[in-house]
Amino acid sequence: MLDRFRRAAGVVWRQAHGSVFVLPDGGGDVVVLTGTGEQLWWLLAEPMTIDQAARRLADIYGVPDAAVSRDVAPVVADLAARGVLERG
């Protein structure tokens, strides 16, 4: 079964000035998401796999799934390592 990711339950976040600002649970550096990162944040309000997120972003931006998938995986891994996404 493929891992599904979603926003971590304990994070505080706000949208302002075309960006999403996320404070990981327990502190740490603020994560600033812009452009497709901001759109990814909105998508991950519901649990989904990296492939599902990539397909949704590809549809939104009108680009091939494969191009988006290469870019989404490392971003999701980074956000999970920072504690702003969780598996679920």
PDB file of N, CA and C in Angstrom:
ATOM      1  N   MET A   1       0.833  -1.183   0.000  1.00  0.00           N
ATOM      2  CA  MET A   1       0.000   0.000   0.000  1.00  0.00           C
ATOM      3  C   MET A   1       0.878   1.247   0.000  1.00  0.00           C
ATOM      4  N   LEU A   2       0.541   2.227  -0.807  1.00  0.00           N
ATOM      5  CA  LEU A   2       1.309   3.457  -0.902  1.00  0.00           C
ATOM      6  C   LEU A   2       0.976   4.380   0.260  1.00  0.00           C
ATOM      7  N   ASP A   3       1.999   5.101   0.724  1.00  0.00           N
ATOM      8  CA  ASP A   3       1.795   6.054   1.810  1.00  0.00           C
ATOM      9  C   ASP A   3       0.899   7.200   1.351  1.00  0.00           C
ATOM     10  N   ARG A   4       0.034   7.580   2.250  1.00  0.00           N
ATOM     11  CA  ARG A   4      -0.801   8.758   2.034  1.00  0.00           C
ATOM     12  C   ARG A   4      -0.319   9.830   3.009  1.00  0.00           C
ATOM     13  N   PHE A   5      -0.354  11.071   2.571  1.00  0.00           N
ATOM     14  CA  PHE A   5       0.097  12.188   3.385  1.00  0.00           C
ATOM     15  C   PHE A   5      -1.036  13.189   3.533  1.00  0.00           C
ATOM     16  N   ARG A   6      -0.973  13.938   4.646  1.00  0.00           N
ATOM     17  CA  ARG A   6      -1.933  15.017   4.892  1.00  0.00           C
ATOM     18  C   ARG A   6      -1.252  16.030   5.804  1.00  0.00           C
ATOM     19  N   ARG A   7      -1.909  17.171   5.968  1.00  0.00           N
ATOM     20  CA  ARG A   7      -1.400  18.179   6.889  1.00  0.00           C
ATOM     21  C   ARG A   7      -1.330  17.574   8.287  1.00  0.00           C
ATOM     22  N   ALA A   8      -0.265  17.853   9.001  1.00  0.00           N
ATOM     23  CA  ALA A   8      -0.130  17.369  10.375  1.00  0.00           C
ATOM     24  C   ALA A   8      -1.146  18.080  11.264  1.00  0.00           C
ATOM     25  N   ALA A   9      -1.689  17.340  12.200  1.00  0.00           N
ATOM     26  CA  ALA A   9      -2.767  17.845  13.045  1.00  0.00           C
ATOM     27  C   ALA A   9      -2.352  19.030  13.907  1.00  0.00           C
ATOM     28  N   GLY A  10      -1.117  19.076  14.386  1.00  0.00           N
ATOM     29  CA  GLY A  10      -0.735  20.100  15.343  1.00  0.00           C
ATOM     30  C   GLY A  10      -0.144  21.366  14.771  1.00  0.00           C
ATOM     31  N   VAL A  11      -0.105  21.502  13.456  1.00  0.00           N
ATOM     32  CA  VAL A  11       0.543  22.680  12.883  1.00  0.00           C
ATOM     33  C   VAL A  11      -0.399  23.880  12.890  1.00  0.00           C
ATOM     34  N   VAL A  12       0.213  25.040  13.039  1.00  0.00           N
ATOM     35  CA  VAL A  12      -0.511  26.301  12.914  1.00  0.00           C
ATOM     36  C   VAL A  12      -0.114  26.887  11.572  1.00  0.00           C
ATOM     37  N   TRP A  13      -1.106  27.343  10.810  1.00  0.00           N
ATOM     38  CA  TRP A  13      -0.786  27.899   9.498  1.00  0.00           C
ATOM     39  C   TRP A  13      -1.737  29.040   9.171  1.00  0.00           C
ATOM     40  N   ARG A  14      -1.280  29.893   8.282  1.00  0.00           N
ATOM     41  CA  ARG A  14      -2.081  31.015   7.808  1.00  0.00           C
ATOM     42  C   ARG A  14      -1.744  31.277   6.356  1.00  0.00           C
ATOM     43  N   GLN A  15      -2.746  31.738   5.629  1.00  0.00           N
ATOM     44  CA  GLN A  15      -2.524  32.177   4.260  1.00  0.00           C
ATOM     45  C   GLN A  15      -2.486  33.699   4.260  1.00  0.00           C
ATOM     46  N   ALA A  16      -1.475  34.258   3.633  1.00  0.00           N
ATOM     47  CA  ALA A  16      -1.357  35.707   3.520  1.00  0.00           C
ATOM     48  C   ALA A  16      -0.430  36.049   2.368  1.00  0.00           C
ATOM     49  N   HIS A  17      -0.775  37.096   1.647  1.00  0.00           N
ATOM     50  CA  HIS A  17       0.092  37.626   0.586  1.00  0.00           C
ATOM     51  C   HIS A  17       0.473  36.578  -0.451  1.00  0.00           C
ATOM     52  N   GLY A  18      -0.446  35.696  -0.808  1.00  0.00           N
ATOM     53  CA  GLY A  18      -0.180  34.700  -1.838  1.00  0.00           C
ATOM     54  C   GLY A  18       0.703  33.557  -1.402  1.00  0.00           C
ATOM     55  N   SER A  19       0.860  33.375  -0.104  1.00  0.00           N
ATOM     56  CA  SER A  19       1.684  32.296   0.430  1.00  0.00           C
ATOM     57  C   SER A  19       0.968  31.642   1.603  1.00  0.00           C
ATOM     58  N   VAL A  20       1.422  30.449   1.951  1.00  0.00           N
ATOM     59  CA  VAL A  20       0.964  29.781   3.159  1.00  0.00           C
ATOM     60  C   VAL A  20       2.163  29.702   4.096  1.00  0.00           C
ATOM     61  N   PHE A  21       1.973  30.157   5.327  1.00  0.00           N
ATOM     62  CA  PHE A  21       3.004  30.145   6.360  1.00  0.00           C
ATOM     63  C   PHE A  21       2.632  29.078   7.370  1.00  0.00           C
ATOM     64  N   VAL A  22       3.539  28.126   7.603  1.00  0.00           N
ATOM     65  CA  VAL A  22       3.245  26.977   8.458  1.00  0.00           C
ATOM     66  C   VAL A  22       4.265  26.923   9.590  1.00  0.00           C
ATOM     67  N   LEU A  23       3.777  26.816  10.823  1.00  0.00           N
ATOM     68  CA  LEU A  23       4.637  26.645  11.990  1.00  0.00           C
ATOM     69  C   LEU A  23       4.500  25.213  12.465  1.00  0.00           C
ATOM     70  N   PRO A  24       5.574  24.443  12.384  1.00  0.00           N
ATOM     71  CA  PRO A  24       5.497  23.045  12.808  1.00  0.00           C
ATOM     72  C   PRO A  24       5.107  22.928  14.284  1.00  0.00           C
ATOM     73  N   ASP A  25       4.414  21.876  14.619  1.00  0.00           N
ATOM     74  CA  ASP A  25       4.049  21.582  15.998  1.00  0.00           C
ATOM     75  C   ASP A  25       5.324  21.467  16.823  1.00  0.00           C
ATOM     76  N   GLY A  26       5.388  22.142  17.929  1.00  0.00           N
ATOM     77  CA  GLY A  26       6.579  22.093  18.766  1.00  0.00           C
ATOM     78  C   GLY A  26       7.619  23.123  18.385  1.00  0.00           C
ATOM     79  N   GLY A  27       7.300  23.997  17.445  1.00  0.00           N
ATOM     80  CA  GLY A  27       8.234  25.052  17.059  1.00  0.00           C
ATOM     81  C   GLY A  27       9.062  24.690  15.847  1.00  0.00           C
ATOM     82  N   GLY A  28      10.130  25.389  15.682  1.00  0.00           N
ATOM     83  CA  GLY A  28      10.969  25.206  14.503  1.00  0.00           C
ATOM     84  C   GLY A  28      10.780  26.374  13.559  1.00  0.00           C
ATOM     85  N   ASP A  29      11.478  26.330  12.459  1.00  0.00           N
ATOM     86  CA  ASP A  29      11.403  27.407  11.481  1.00  0.00           C
ATOM     87  C   ASP A  29      10.054  27.408  10.775  1.00  0.00           C
ATOM     88  N   VAL A  30       9.573  28.599  10.498  1.00  0.00           N
ATOM     89  CA  VAL A  30       8.346  28.745   9.724  1.00  0.00           C
ATOM     90  C   VAL A  30       8.616  28.266   8.300  1.00  0.00           C
ATOM     91  N   VAL A  31       7.695  27.483   7.768  1.00  0.00           N
ATOM     92  CA  VAL A  31       7.774  27.003   6.394  1.00  0.00           C
ATOM     93  C   VAL A  31       6.881  27.900   5.548  1.00  0.00           C
ATOM     94  N   VAL A  32       7.426  28.447   4.473  1.00  0.00           N
ATOM     95  CA  VAL A  32       6.667  29.319   3.585  1.00  0.00           C
ATOM     96  C   VAL A  32       6.445  28.589   2.268  1.00  0.00           C
ATOM     97  N   LEU A  33       5.189  28.421   1.911  1.00  0.00           N
ATOM     98  CA  LEU A  33       4.819  27.732   0.669  1.00  0.00           C
ATOM     99  C   LEU A  33       4.224  28.736  -0.302  1.00  0.00           C
ATOM    100  N   THR A  34       4.758  28.758  -1.507  1.00  0.00           N
ATOM    101  CA  THR A  34       4.250  29.644  -2.545  1.00  0.00           C
ATOM    102  C   THR A  34       3.988  28.834  -3.806  1.00  0.00           C
ATOM    103  N   GLY A  35       3.293  29.422  -4.741  1.00  0.00           N
ATOM    104  CA  GLY A  35       3.054  28.782  -6.032  1.00  0.00           C
ATOM    105  C   GLY A  35       2.444  27.406  -5.903  1.00  0.00           C
ATOM    106  N   THR A  36       3.087  26.423  -6.527  1.00  0.00           N
ATOM    107  CA  THR A  36       2.554  25.063  -6.481  1.00  0.00           C
ATOM    108  C   THR A  36       2.623  24.478  -5.077  1.00  0.00           C
ATOM    109  N   GLY A  37       3.576  24.950  -4.258  1.00  0.00           N
ATOM    110  CA  GLY A  37       3.644  24.497  -2.873  1.00  0.00           C
ATOM    111  C   GLY A  37       2.403  24.881  -2.099  1.00  0.00           C
ATOM    112  N   GLU A  38       1.917  26.090  -2.352  1.00  0.00           N
ATOM    113  CA  GLU A  38       0.674  26.540  -1.716  1.00  0.00           C
ATOM    114  C   GLU A  38      -0.499  25.667  -2.174  1.00  0.00           C
ATOM    115  N   GLN A  39      -0.547  25.395  -3.466  1.00  0.00           N
ATOM    116  CA  GLN A  39      -1.629  24.548  -3.993  1.00  0.00           C
ATOM    117  C   GLN A  39      -1.546  23.147  -3.410  1.00  0.00           C
ATOM    118  N   LEU A  40      -0.338  22.607  -3.251  1.00  0.00           N
ATOM    119  CA  LEU A  40      -0.145  21.294  -2.641  1.00  0.00           C
ATOM    120  C   LEU A  40      -0.686  21.293  -1.215  1.00  0.00           C
ATOM    121  N   TRP A  41      -0.445  22.366  -0.463  1.00  0.00           N
ATOM    122  CA  TRP A  41      -0.952  22.474   0.907  1.00  0.00           C
ATOM    123  C   TRP A  41      -2.475  22.337   0.931  1.00  0.00           C
ATOM    124  N   TRP A  42      -3.138  23.031   0.006  1.00  0.00           N
ATOM    125  CA  TRP A  42      -4.611  22.948  -0.049  1.00  0.00           C
ATOM    126  C   TRP A  42      -5.053  21.527  -0.388  1.00  0.00           C
ATOM    127  N   LEU A  43      -4.378  20.879  -1.309  1.00  0.00           N
ATOM    128  CA  LEU A  43      -4.742  19.512  -1.682  1.00  0.00           C
ATOM    129  C   LEU A  43      -4.587  18.554  -0.505  1.00  0.00           C
ATOM    130  N   LEU A  44      -3.557  18.765   0.308  1.00  0.00           N
ATOM    131  CA  LEU A  44      -3.273  17.826   1.393  1.00  0.00           C
ATOM    132  C   LEU A  44      -4.116  18.084   2.647  1.00  0.00           C
ATOM    133  N   ALA A  45      -5.195  18.809   2.476  1.00  0.00           N
ATOM    134  CA  ALA A  45      -6.191  18.889   3.549  1.00  0.00           C
ATOM    135  C   ALA A  45      -6.835  17.506   3.720  1.00  0.00           C
ATOM    136  N   GLU A  46      -6.819  16.732   2.647  1.00  0.00           N
ATOM    137  CA  GLU A  46      -7.322  15.354   2.652  1.00  0.00           C
ATOM    138  C   GLU A  46      -6.145  14.422   2.381  1.00  0.00           C
ATOM    139  N   PRO A  47      -6.097  13.267   3.036  1.00  0.00           N
ATOM    140  CA  PRO A  47      -4.997  12.332   2.781  1.00  0.00           C
ATOM    141  C   PRO A  47      -4.951  11.885   1.321  1.00  0.00           C
ATOM    142  N   MET A  48      -3.756  11.881   0.759  1.00  0.00           N
ATOM    143  CA  MET A  48      -3.576  11.366  -0.605  1.00  0.00           C
ATOM    144  C   MET A  48      -2.135  10.948  -0.807  1.00  0.00           C
ATOM    145  N   THR A  49      -1.943  10.090  -1.792  1.00  0.00           N
ATOM    146  CA  THR A  49      -0.593   9.650  -2.131  1.00  0.00           C
ATOM    147  C   THR A  49       0.115  10.753  -2.920  1.00  0.00           C
ATOM    148  N   ILE A  50       1.414  10.595  -3.047  1.00  0.00           N
ATOM    149  CA  ILE A  50       2.188  11.542  -3.851  1.00  0.00           C
ATOM    150  C   ILE A  50       1.697  11.519  -5.293  1.00  0.00           C
ATOM    151  N   ASP A  51       1.421  10.339  -5.824  1.00  0.00           N
ATOM    152  CA  ASP A  51       0.921  10.239  -7.201  1.00  0.00           C
ATOM    153  C   ASP A  51      -0.428  10.930  -7.370  1.00  0.00           C
ATOM    154  N   GLN A  52      -1.303  10.773  -6.395  1.00  0.00           N
ATOM    155  CA  GLN A  52      -2.603  11.450  -6.469  1.00  0.00           C
ATOM    156  C   GLN A  52      -2.420  12.970  -6.456  1.00  0.00           C
ATOM    157  N   ALA A  53      -1.565  13.452  -5.572  1.00  0.00           N
ATOM    158  CA  ALA A  53      -1.305  14.887  -5.499  1.00  0.00           C
ATOM    159  C   ALA A  53      -0.699  15.389  -6.811  1.00  0.00           C
ATOM    160  N   ALA A  54       0.241  14.629  -7.365  1.00  0.00           N
ATOM    161  CA  ALA A  54       0.873  15.021  -8.633  1.00  0.00           C
ATOM    162  C   ALA A  54      -0.151  15.086  -9.758  1.00  0.00           C
ATOM    163  N   ARG A  55      -1.044  14.102  -9.830  1.00  0.00           N
ATOM    164  CA  ARG A  55      -2.081  14.127 -10.870  1.00  0.00           C
ATOM    165  C   ARG A  55      -2.990  15.338 -10.729  1.00  0.00           C
ATOM    166  N   ARG A  56      -3.369  15.653  -9.502  1.00  0.00           N
ATOM    167  CA  ARG A  56      -4.231  16.819  -9.267  1.00  0.00           C
ATOM    168  C   ARG A  56      -3.523  18.109  -9.664  1.00  0.00           C
ATOM    169  N   LEU A  57      -2.253  18.238  -9.286  1.00  0.00           N
ATOM    170  CA  LEU A  57      -1.496  19.430  -9.664  1.00  0.00           C
ATOM    171  C   LEU A  57      -1.317  19.515 -11.174  1.00  0.00           C
ATOM    172  N   ALA A  58      -1.043  18.380 -11.811  1.00  0.00           N
ATOM    173  CA  ALA A  58      -0.897  18.359 -13.273  1.00  0.00           C
ATOM    174  C   ALA A  58      -2.182  18.826 -13.940  1.00  0.00           C
ATOM    175  N   ASP A  59      -3.308  18.369 -13.427  1.00  0.00           N
ATOM    176  CA  ASP A  59      -4.599  18.808 -13.974  1.00  0.00           C
ATOM    177  C   ASP A  59      -4.801  20.315 -13.782  1.00  0.00           C
ATOM    178  N   ILE A  60      -4.472  20.797 -12.599  1.00  0.00           N
ATOM    179  CA  ILE A  60      -4.651  22.221 -12.299  1.00  0.00           C
ATOM    180  C   ILE A  60      -3.799  23.091 -13.209  1.00  0.00           C
ATOM    181  N   TYR A  61      -2.538  22.680 -13.420  1.00  0.00           N
ATOM    182  CA  TYR A  61      -1.606  23.508 -14.182  1.00  0.00           C
ATOM    183  C   TYR A  61      -1.489  23.111 -15.650  1.00  0.00           C
ATOM    184  N   GLY A  62      -2.171  22.033 -16.052  1.00  0.00           N
ATOM    185  CA  GLY A  62      -2.163  21.625 -17.455  1.00  0.00           C
ATOM    186  C   GLY A  62      -0.816  21.138 -17.948  1.00  0.00           C
ATOM    187  N   VAL A  63      -0.120  20.368 -17.119  1.00  0.00           N
ATOM    188  CA  VAL A  63       1.186  19.818 -17.489  1.00  0.00           C
ATOM    189  C   VAL A  63       1.166  18.304 -17.323  1.00  0.00           C
ATOM    190  N   PRO A  64       2.137  17.581 -17.904  1.00  0.00           N
ATOM    191  CA  PRO A  64       2.161  16.124 -17.782  1.00  0.00           C
ATOM    192  C   PRO A  64       2.371  15.658 -16.338  1.00  0.00           C
ATOM    193  N   ASP A  65       1.693  14.576 -15.976  1.00  0.00           N
ATOM    194  CA  ASP A  65       1.797  13.998 -14.631  1.00  0.00           C
ATOM    195  C   ASP A  65       3.246  13.695 -14.251  1.00  0.00           C
ATOM    196  N   ALA A  66       4.007  13.122 -15.173  1.00  0.00           N
ATOM    197  CA  ALA A  66       5.378  12.688 -14.875  1.00  0.00           C
ATOM    198  C   ALA A  66       6.257  13.858 -14.449  1.00  0.00           C
ATOM    199  N   ALA A  67       6.102  14.990 -15.093  1.00  0.00           N
ATOM    200  CA  ALA A  67       6.911  16.158 -14.752  1.00  0.00           C
ATOM    201  C   ALA A  67       6.608  16.630 -13.337  1.00  0.00           C
ATOM    202  N   VAL A  68       5.365  16.601 -12.960  1.00  0.00           N
ATOM    203  CA  VAL A  68       4.961  17.054 -11.630  1.00  0.00           C
ATOM    204  C   VAL A  68       5.370  16.042 -10.568  1.00  0.00           C
ATOM    205  N   SER A  69       5.236  14.771 -10.858  1.00  0.00           N
ATOM    206  CA  SER A  69       5.545  13.721  -9.890  1.00  0.00           C
ATOM    207  C   SER A  69       6.996  13.798  -9.429  1.00  0.00           C
ATOM    208  N   ARG A  70       7.921  14.078 -10.355  1.00  0.00           N
ATOM    209  CA  ARG A  70       9.341  14.208  -9.997  1.00  0.00           C
ATOM    210  C   ARG A  70       9.552  15.331  -8.995  1.00  0.00           C
ATOM    211  N   ASP A  71       8.765  16.387  -9.104  1.00  0.00           N
ATOM    212  CA  ASP A  71       8.932  17.552  -8.239  1.00  0.00           C
ATOM    213  C   ASP A  71       8.190  17.422  -6.913  1.00  0.00           C
ATOM    214  N   VAL A  72       7.080  16.713  -6.896  1.00  0.00           N
ATOM    215  CA  VAL A  72       6.253  16.622  -5.691  1.00  0.00           C
ATOM    216  C   VAL A  72       6.883  15.728  -4.633  1.00  0.00           C
ATOM    217  N   ALA A  73       7.456  14.618  -5.036  1.00  0.00           N
ATOM    218  CA  ALA A  73       7.997  13.656  -4.060  1.00  0.00           C
ATOM    219  C   ALA A  73       9.016  14.282  -3.105  1.00  0.00           C
ATOM    220  N   PRO A  74      10.026  15.017  -3.584  1.00  0.00           N
ATOM    221  CA  PRO A  74      10.975  15.596  -2.631  1.00  0.00           C
ATOM    222  C   PRO A  74      10.364  16.686  -1.748  1.00  0.00           C
ATOM    223  N   VAL A  75       9.392  17.412  -2.261  1.00  0.00           N
ATOM    224  CA  VAL A  75       8.731  18.444  -1.456  1.00  0.00           C
ATOM    225  C   VAL A  75       7.940  17.791  -0.327  1.00  0.00           C
ATOM    226  N   VAL A  76       7.198  16.744  -0.640  1.00  0.00           N
ATOM    227  CA  VAL A  76       6.435  16.033   0.387  1.00  0.00           C
ATOM    228  C   VAL A  76       7.387  15.438   1.424  1.00  0.00           C
ATOM    229  N   ALA A  77       8.490  14.853   0.979  1.00  0.00           N
ATOM    230  CA  ALA A  77       9.459  14.277   1.913  1.00  0.00           C
ATOM    231  C   ALA A  77      10.032  15.355   2.833  1.00  0.00           C
ATOM    232  N   ASP A  78      10.344  16.508   2.293  1.00  0.00           N
ATOM    233  CA  ASP A  78      10.883  17.604   3.094  1.00  0.00           C
ATOM    234  C   ASP A  78       9.848  18.101   4.106  1.00  0.00           C
ATOM    235  N   LEU A  79       8.613  18.284   3.668  1.00  0.00           N
ATOM    236  CA  LEU A  79       7.570  18.772   4.569  1.00  0.00           C
ATOM    237  C   LEU A  79       7.268  17.753   5.667  1.00  0.00           C
ATOM    238  N   ALA A  80       7.321  16.472   5.330  1.00  0.00           N
ATOM    239  CA  ALA A  80       7.113  15.432   6.345  1.00  0.00           C
ATOM    240  C   ALA A  80       8.269  15.443   7.350  1.00  0.00           C
ATOM    241  N   ALA A  81       9.500  15.616   6.872  1.00  0.00           N
ATOM    242  CA  ALA A  81      10.661  15.668   7.764  1.00  0.00           C
ATOM    243  C   ALA A  81      10.600  16.873   8.695  1.00  0.00           C
ATOM    244  N   ARG A  82      10.011  17.956   8.227  1.00  0.00           N
ATOM    245  CA  ARG A  82       9.870  19.169   9.058  1.00  0.00           C
ATOM    246  C   ARG A  82       8.687  19.062  10.019  1.00  0.00           C
ATOM    247  N   GLY A  83       7.884  18.042   9.863  1.00  0.00           N
ATOM    248  CA  GLY A  83       6.772  17.821  10.773  1.00  0.00           C
ATOM    249  C   GLY A  83       5.483  18.535  10.421  1.00  0.00           C
ATOM    250  N   VAL A  84       5.391  19.084   9.194  1.00  0.00           N
ATOM    251  CA  VAL A  84       4.159  19.768   8.826  1.00  0.00           C
ATOM    252  C   VAL A  84       3.196  18.881   8.045  1.00  0.00           C
ATOM    253  N   LEU A  85       3.701  17.736   7.570  1.00  0.00           N
ATOM    254  CA  LEU A  85       2.842  16.699   6.981  1.00  0.00           C
ATOM    255  C   LEU A  85       3.008  15.432   7.793  1.00  0.00           C
ATOM    256  N   GLU A  86       1.971  14.613   7.779  1.00  0.00           N
ATOM    257  CA  GLU A  86       2.033  13.321   8.446  1.00  0.00           C
ATOM    258  C   GLU A  86       1.462  12.261   7.539  1.00  0.00           C
ATOM    259  N   ARG A  87       1.861  11.035   7.801  1.00  0.00           N
ATOM    260  CA  ARG A  87       1.288   9.912   7.048  1.00  0.00           C
ATOM    261  C   ARG A  87      -0.096   9.645   7.610  1.00  0.00           C
ATOM    262  N   GLY A  88      -0.956   9.226   6.743  1.00  0.00           N
ATOM    263  CA  GLY A  88      -2.298   8.926   7.233  1.00  0.00           C
ATOM    264  C   GLY A  88      -3.216   8.814   6.161  1.00  0.00           C
TER     265      GLY A  88
END
